[in-house]
């Protein structure tokens, strides 16, 4: 596989402007999120890593359990693997895409589109998990009366015994 030639063909086919660095990698913006492509010619694959969304603290640990469960047999991720880092709390999805000497630009574009569609699906799922967690917090907060809004204590209750 000639990764540079494949990317040049993809650029021409899809109207992109991707450039590979010396590590045969490129990063591009997809709907406001970074996507890394790194070609691995020795194994005939391309690693795609797409950032999904930040998992808000309110959604933890339930969201992490859901993400980990989705990785089981890669069935709920359509062959991708979801990861999460506590440093920035951002979830990503990773795919190893098969690319070989017979892979052409339309075939690579189809692989990328399937992977990015799955990334879109998981981005929305994470945003929904975050929203549900925030809504649960709002419901709990609505059930707790603020001390500032509570009825004032009667003056007799404030009197100090002498």
C-alpha atoms as a PDB file:
ATOM      1  CA  UNK A   1       0.000   0.000   0.000  1.00  0.00           C
ATOM      2  CA  UNK A   2       1.285   3.422  -0.910  1.00  0.00           C
ATOM      3  CA  UNK A   3      -0.361   5.610   1.730  1.00  0.00           C
ATOM      4  CA  UNK A   4       0.618   8.904   0.104  1.00  0.00           C
ATOM      5  CA  UNK A   5      -0.806   7.864  -3.242  1.00  0.00           C
ATOM      6  CA  UNK A   6      -3.992   6.637  -1.550  1.00  0.00           C
ATOM      7  CA  UNK A   7      -4.424   9.919   0.318  1.00  0.00           C
ATOM      8  CA  UNK A   8      -3.778  11.898  -2.874  1.00  0.00           C
ATOM      9  CA  UNK A   9      -6.496   9.850  -4.593  1.00  0.00           C
ATOM     10  CA  UNK A  10      -8.835  10.377  -1.634  1.00  0.00           C
ATOM     11  CA  UNK A  11      -8.194  14.120  -1.752  1.00  0.00           C
ATOM     12  CA  UNK A  12      -9.055  14.200  -5.434  1.00  0.00           C
ATOM     13  CA  UNK A  13     -12.111  11.942  -5.025  1.00  0.00           C
ATOM     14  CA  UNK A  14     -13.579  13.674  -1.957  1.00  0.00           C
ATOM     15  CA  UNK A  15     -12.301  17.217  -2.421  1.00  0.00           C
ATOM     16  CA  UNK A  16     -10.164  17.058   0.698  1.00  0.00           C
ATOM     17  CA  UNK A  17      -6.782  18.591   1.399  1.00  0.00           C
ATOM     18  CA  UNK A  18      -5.159  15.977   3.643  1.00  0.00           C
ATOM     19  CA  UNK A  19      -1.382  15.871   3.926  1.00  0.00           C
ATOM     20  CA  UNK A  20       0.527  13.040   5.543  1.00  0.00           C
ATOM     21  CA  UNK A  21       3.436  13.804   7.839  1.00  0.00           C
ATOM     22  CA  UNK A  22       6.586  11.678   8.081  1.00  0.00           C
ATOM     23  CA  UNK A  23       4.730   9.177  10.302  1.00  0.00           C
ATOM     24  CA  UNK A  24       2.095   8.736   7.564  1.00  0.00           C
ATOM     25  CA  UNK A  25      -0.466  10.485   9.755  1.00  0.00           C
ATOM     26  CA  UNK A  26      -2.811  13.399   9.299  1.00  0.00           C
ATOM     27  CA  UNK A  27      -5.359  15.147  11.491  1.00  0.00           C
ATOM     28  CA  UNK A  28      -8.456  16.820  10.145  1.00  0.00           C
ATOM     29  CA  UNK A  29     -11.535  18.490  11.550  1.00  0.00           C
ATOM     30  CA  UNK A  30     -14.816  16.606  11.311  1.00  0.00           C
ATOM     31  CA  UNK A  31     -17.856  18.527  12.558  1.00  0.00           C
ATOM     32  CA  UNK A  32     -15.745  20.430  15.057  1.00  0.00           C
ATOM     33  CA  UNK A  33     -13.954  17.346  16.358  1.00  0.00           C
ATOM     34  CA  UNK A  34     -10.424  16.190  15.512  1.00  0.00           C
ATOM     35  CA  UNK A  35      -9.887  12.947  13.620  1.00  0.00           C
ATOM     36  CA  UNK A  36      -6.510  11.256  13.281  1.00  0.00           C
ATOM     37  CA  UNK A  37      -5.658   8.958  10.388  1.00  0.00           C
ATOM     38  CA  UNK A  38      -2.403   7.034  10.662  1.00  0.00           C
ATOM     39  CA  UNK A  39      -1.477   4.599   7.941  1.00  0.00           C
ATOM     40  CA  UNK A  40       0.309   1.407   8.947  1.00  0.00           C
ATOM     41  CA  UNK A  41       1.569  -0.046   5.647  1.00  0.00           C
ATOM     42  CA  UNK A  42       3.398  -2.959   7.297  1.00  0.00           C
ATOM     43  CA  UNK A  43       0.066  -4.406   8.450  1.00  0.00           C
ATOM     44  CA  UNK A  44      -2.140  -2.994   5.674  1.00  0.00           C
ATOM     45  CA  UNK A  45      -4.278  -0.896   8.004  1.00  0.00           C
ATOM     46  CA  UNK A  46      -5.152   2.665   8.823  1.00  0.00           C
ATOM     47  CA  UNK A  47      -5.848   3.729  12.391  1.00  0.00           C
ATOM     48  CA  UNK A  48      -8.722   6.181  12.658  1.00  0.00           C
ATOM     49  CA  UNK A  49      -9.149   7.915  16.000  1.00  0.00           C
ATOM     50  CA  UNK A  50     -12.127  10.272  16.268  1.00  0.00           C
ATOM     51  CA  UNK A  51     -12.849  12.444  19.277  1.00  0.00           C
ATOM     52  CA  UNK A  52     -16.453  12.035  20.411  1.00  0.00           C
ATOM     53  CA  UNK A  53     -17.376  14.313  23.317  1.00  0.00           C
ATOM     54  CA  UNK A  54     -16.520  15.182  26.873  1.00  0.00           C
ATOM     55  CA  UNK A  55     -18.188  12.934  29.444  1.00  0.00           C
ATOM     56  CA  UNK A  56     -19.374  15.349  32.109  1.00  0.00           C
ATOM     57  CA  UNK A  57     -18.658  14.558  35.725  1.00  0.00           C
ATOM     58  CA  UNK A  58     -22.376  14.338  36.466  1.00  0.00           C
ATOM     59  CA  UNK A  59     -22.657  11.413  34.040  1.00  0.00           C
ATOM     60  CA  UNK A  60     -19.826   9.429  35.653  1.00  0.00           C
ATOM     61  CA  UNK A  61     -19.500   6.528  36.436  1.00  0.00           C
ATOM     62  CA  UNK A  62     -22.661   5.371  34.643  1.00  0.00           C
ATOM     63  CA  UNK A  63     -21.473   6.669  31.280  1.00  0.00           C
ATOM     64  CA  UNK A  64     -18.139   4.880  31.616  1.00  0.00           C
ATOM     65  CA  UNK A  65     -19.940   1.639  32.318  1.00  0.00           C
ATOM     66  CA  UNK A  66     -22.027   2.160  29.167  1.00  0.00           C
ATOM     67  CA  UNK A  67     -18.942   2.944  27.069  1.00  0.00           C
ATOM     68  CA  UNK A  68     -17.060  -0.074  28.364  1.00  0.00           C
ATOM     69  CA  UNK A  69     -20.040  -2.333  27.801  1.00  0.00           C
ATOM     70  CA  UNK A  70     -20.322  -1.054  24.210  1.00  0.00           C
ATOM     71  CA  UNK A  71     -16.819  -2.365  23.503  1.00  0.00           C
ATOM     72  CA  UNK A  72     -17.827  -5.931  24.303  1.00  0.00           C
ATOM     73  CA  UNK A  73     -17.411  -7.881  21.068  1.00  0.00           C
ATOM     74  CA  UNK A  74     -17.292  -4.499  19.273  1.00  0.00           C
ATOM     75  CA  UNK A  75     -20.892  -5.058  18.231  1.00  0.00           C
ATOM     76  CA  UNK A  76     -22.351  -1.819  19.610  1.00  0.00           C
ATOM     77  CA  UNK A  77     -19.442   0.167  18.179  1.00  0.00           C
ATOM     78  CA  UNK A  78     -19.552  -1.370  14.689  1.00  0.00           C
ATOM     79  CA  UNK A  79     -15.988  -2.599  15.012  1.00  0.00           C
ATOM     80  CA  UNK A  80     -14.591   0.417  16.829  1.00  0.00           C
ATOM     81  CA  UNK A  81     -13.183   0.626  20.315  1.00  0.00           C
ATOM     82  CA  UNK A  82     -14.210   3.456  22.639  1.00  0.00           C
ATOM     83  CA  UNK A  83     -11.681   4.972  25.002  1.00  0.00           C
ATOM     84  CA  UNK A  84     -11.837   7.695  27.657  1.00  0.00           C
ATOM     85  CA  UNK A  85      -9.134   9.661  29.448  1.00  0.00           C
ATOM     86  CA  UNK A  86      -9.664  11.128  32.916  1.00  0.00           C
ATOM     87  CA  UNK A  87      -7.284  14.032  32.227  1.00  0.00           C
ATOM     88  CA  UNK A  88      -9.603  15.769  29.784  1.00  0.00           C
ATOM     89  CA  UNK A  89     -12.671  13.512  30.236  1.00  0.00           C
ATOM     90  CA  UNK A  90     -13.008  13.151  26.458  1.00  0.00           C
ATOM     91  CA  UNK A  91     -14.176   9.911  24.878  1.00  0.00           C
ATOM     92  CA  UNK A  92     -12.810   8.794  21.514  1.00  0.00           C
ATOM     93  CA  UNK A  93     -13.490   5.940  19.152  1.00  0.00           C
ATOM     94  CA  UNK A  94     -10.750   4.036  17.354  1.00  0.00           C
ATOM     95  CA  UNK A  95     -10.971   1.868  14.254  1.00  0.00           C
ATOM     96  CA  UNK A  96      -8.390  -0.205  12.409  1.00  0.00           C
ATOM     97  CA  UNK A  97      -9.450   0.086   8.793  1.00  0.00           C
ATOM     98  CA  UNK A  98      -8.166  -2.492   6.312  1.00  0.00           C
ATOM     99  CA  UNK A  99      -6.303  -0.805   3.477  1.00  0.00           C
ATOM    100  CA  UNK A 100      -4.193  -2.698   1.035  1.00  0.00           C
ATOM    101  CA  UNK A 101      -2.848  -2.473  -2.475  1.00  0.00           C
ATOM    102  CA  UNK A 102      -6.325  -2.913  -3.938  1.00  0.00           C
ATOM    103  CA  UNK A 103      -7.929  -0.178  -1.790  1.00  0.00           C
ATOM    104  CA  UNK A 104      -8.954   2.776  -3.899  1.00  0.00           C
ATOM    105  CA  UNK A 105     -10.257   6.216  -2.966  1.00  0.00           C
ATOM    106  CA  UNK A 106     -13.976   5.288  -3.124  1.00  0.00           C
ATOM    107  CA  UNK A 107     -13.383   2.220  -0.943  1.00  0.00           C
ATOM    108  CA  UNK A 108     -11.408   4.252   1.607  1.00  0.00           C
ATOM    109  CA  UNK A 109     -14.060   6.986   1.571  1.00  0.00           C
ATOM    110  CA  UNK A 110     -16.718   4.347   2.292  1.00  0.00           C
ATOM    111  CA  UNK A 111     -14.681   2.986   5.232  1.00  0.00           C
ATOM    112  CA  UNK A 112     -14.190   6.506   6.605  1.00  0.00           C
ATOM    113  CA  UNK A 113     -17.876   7.341   6.211  1.00  0.00           C
ATOM    114  CA  UNK A 114     -18.952   4.223   8.119  1.00  0.00           C
ATOM    115  CA  UNK A 115     -16.488   4.946  10.926  1.00  0.00           C
ATOM    116  CA  UNK A 116     -17.467   8.619  11.134  1.00  0.00           C
ATOM    117  CA  UNK A 117     -21.175   7.724  11.135  1.00  0.00           C
ATOM    118  CA  UNK A 118     -20.508   5.518  14.153  1.00  0.00           C
ATOM    119  CA  UNK A 119     -18.574   8.400  15.730  1.00  0.00           C
ATOM    120  CA  UNK A 120     -21.601  10.654  15.163  1.00  0.00           C
ATOM    121  CA  UNK A 121     -23.882   8.083  16.781  1.00  0.00           C
ATOM    122  CA  UNK A 122     -21.655   7.792  19.865  1.00  0.00           C
ATOM    123  CA  UNK A 123     -21.160  11.535  20.128  1.00  0.00           C
ATOM    124  CA  UNK A 124     -24.929  11.928  20.352  1.00  0.00           C
ATOM    125  CA  UNK A 125     -25.209   9.090  22.861  1.00  0.00           C
ATOM    126  CA  UNK A 126     -22.632  10.761  25.121  1.00  0.00           C
ATOM    127  CA  UNK A 127     -24.368  14.133  24.817  1.00  0.00           C
ATOM    128  CA  UNK A 128     -27.643  12.404  25.729  1.00  0.00           C
ATOM    129  CA  UNK A 129     -26.001  10.737  28.760  1.00  0.00           C
ATOM    130  CA  UNK A 130     -24.693  14.130  29.856  1.00  0.00           C
ATOM    131  CA  UNK A 131     -28.147  15.704  29.418  1.00  0.00           C
ATOM    132  CA  UNK A 132     -29.888  12.956  31.379  1.00  0.00           C
ATOM    133  CA  UNK A 133     -27.369  13.316  34.207  1.00  0.00           C
ATOM    134  CA  UNK A 134     -27.839  17.093  34.296  1.00  0.00           C
ATOM    135  CA  UNK A 135     -31.621  16.674  34.290  1.00  0.00           C
ATOM    136  CA  UNK A 136     -31.376  14.240  37.207  1.00  0.00           C
ATOM    137  CA  UNK A 137     -29.319  16.785  39.150  1.00  0.00           C
ATOM    138  CA  UNK A 138     -31.895  19.503  38.387  1.00  0.00           C
ATOM    139  CA  UNK A 139     -34.692  17.238  39.642  1.00  0.00           C
ATOM    140  CA  UNK A 140     -32.804  16.541  42.855  1.00  0.00           C
ATOM    141  CA  UNK A 141     -32.046  20.228  43.346  1.00  0.00           C
ATOM    142  CA  UNK A 142     -35.699  21.156  42.793  1.00  0.00           C
ATOM    143  CA  UNK A 143     -36.605  18.846  45.668  1.00  0.00           C
ATOM    144  CA  UNK A 144     -34.239  20.629  48.078  1.00  0.00           C
ATOM    145  CA  UNK A 145     -35.440  23.970  49.402  1.00  0.00           C
ATOM    146  CA  UNK A 146     -32.789  26.649  49.482  1.00  0.00           C
ATOM    147  CA  UNK A 147     -32.094  27.963  53.011  1.00  0.00           C
ATOM    148  CA  UNK A 148     -32.245  31.509  51.651  1.00  0.00           C
ATOM    149  CA  UNK A 149     -35.813  30.911  50.483  1.00  0.00           C
ATOM    150  CA  UNK A 150     -36.997  29.209  53.672  1.00  0.00           C
ATOM    151  CA  UNK A 151     -39.380  31.067  55.955  1.00  0.00           C
ATOM    152  CA  UNK A 152     -37.567  33.246  58.490  1.00  0.00           C
ATOM    153  CA  UNK A 153     -37.303  31.937  62.026  1.00  0.00           C
ATOM    154  CA  UNK A 154     -39.609  33.606  64.555  1.00  0.00           C
ATOM    155  CA  UNK A 155     -37.901  36.228  66.701  1.00  0.00           C
ATOM    156  CA  UNK A 156     -38.386  34.091  69.808  1.00  0.00           C
ATOM    157  CA  UNK A 157     -36.227  31.378  68.260  1.00  0.00           C
ATOM    158  CA  UNK A 158     -33.383  33.868  67.841  1.00  0.00           C
ATOM    159  CA  UNK A 159     -33.503  35.138  71.427  1.00  0.00           C
ATOM    160  CA  UNK A 160     -30.568  34.057  73.540  1.00  0.00           C
ATOM    161  CA  UNK A 161     -31.287  32.803  77.034  1.00  0.00           C
ATOM    162  CA  UNK A 162     -29.997  35.117  79.727  1.00  0.00           C
END
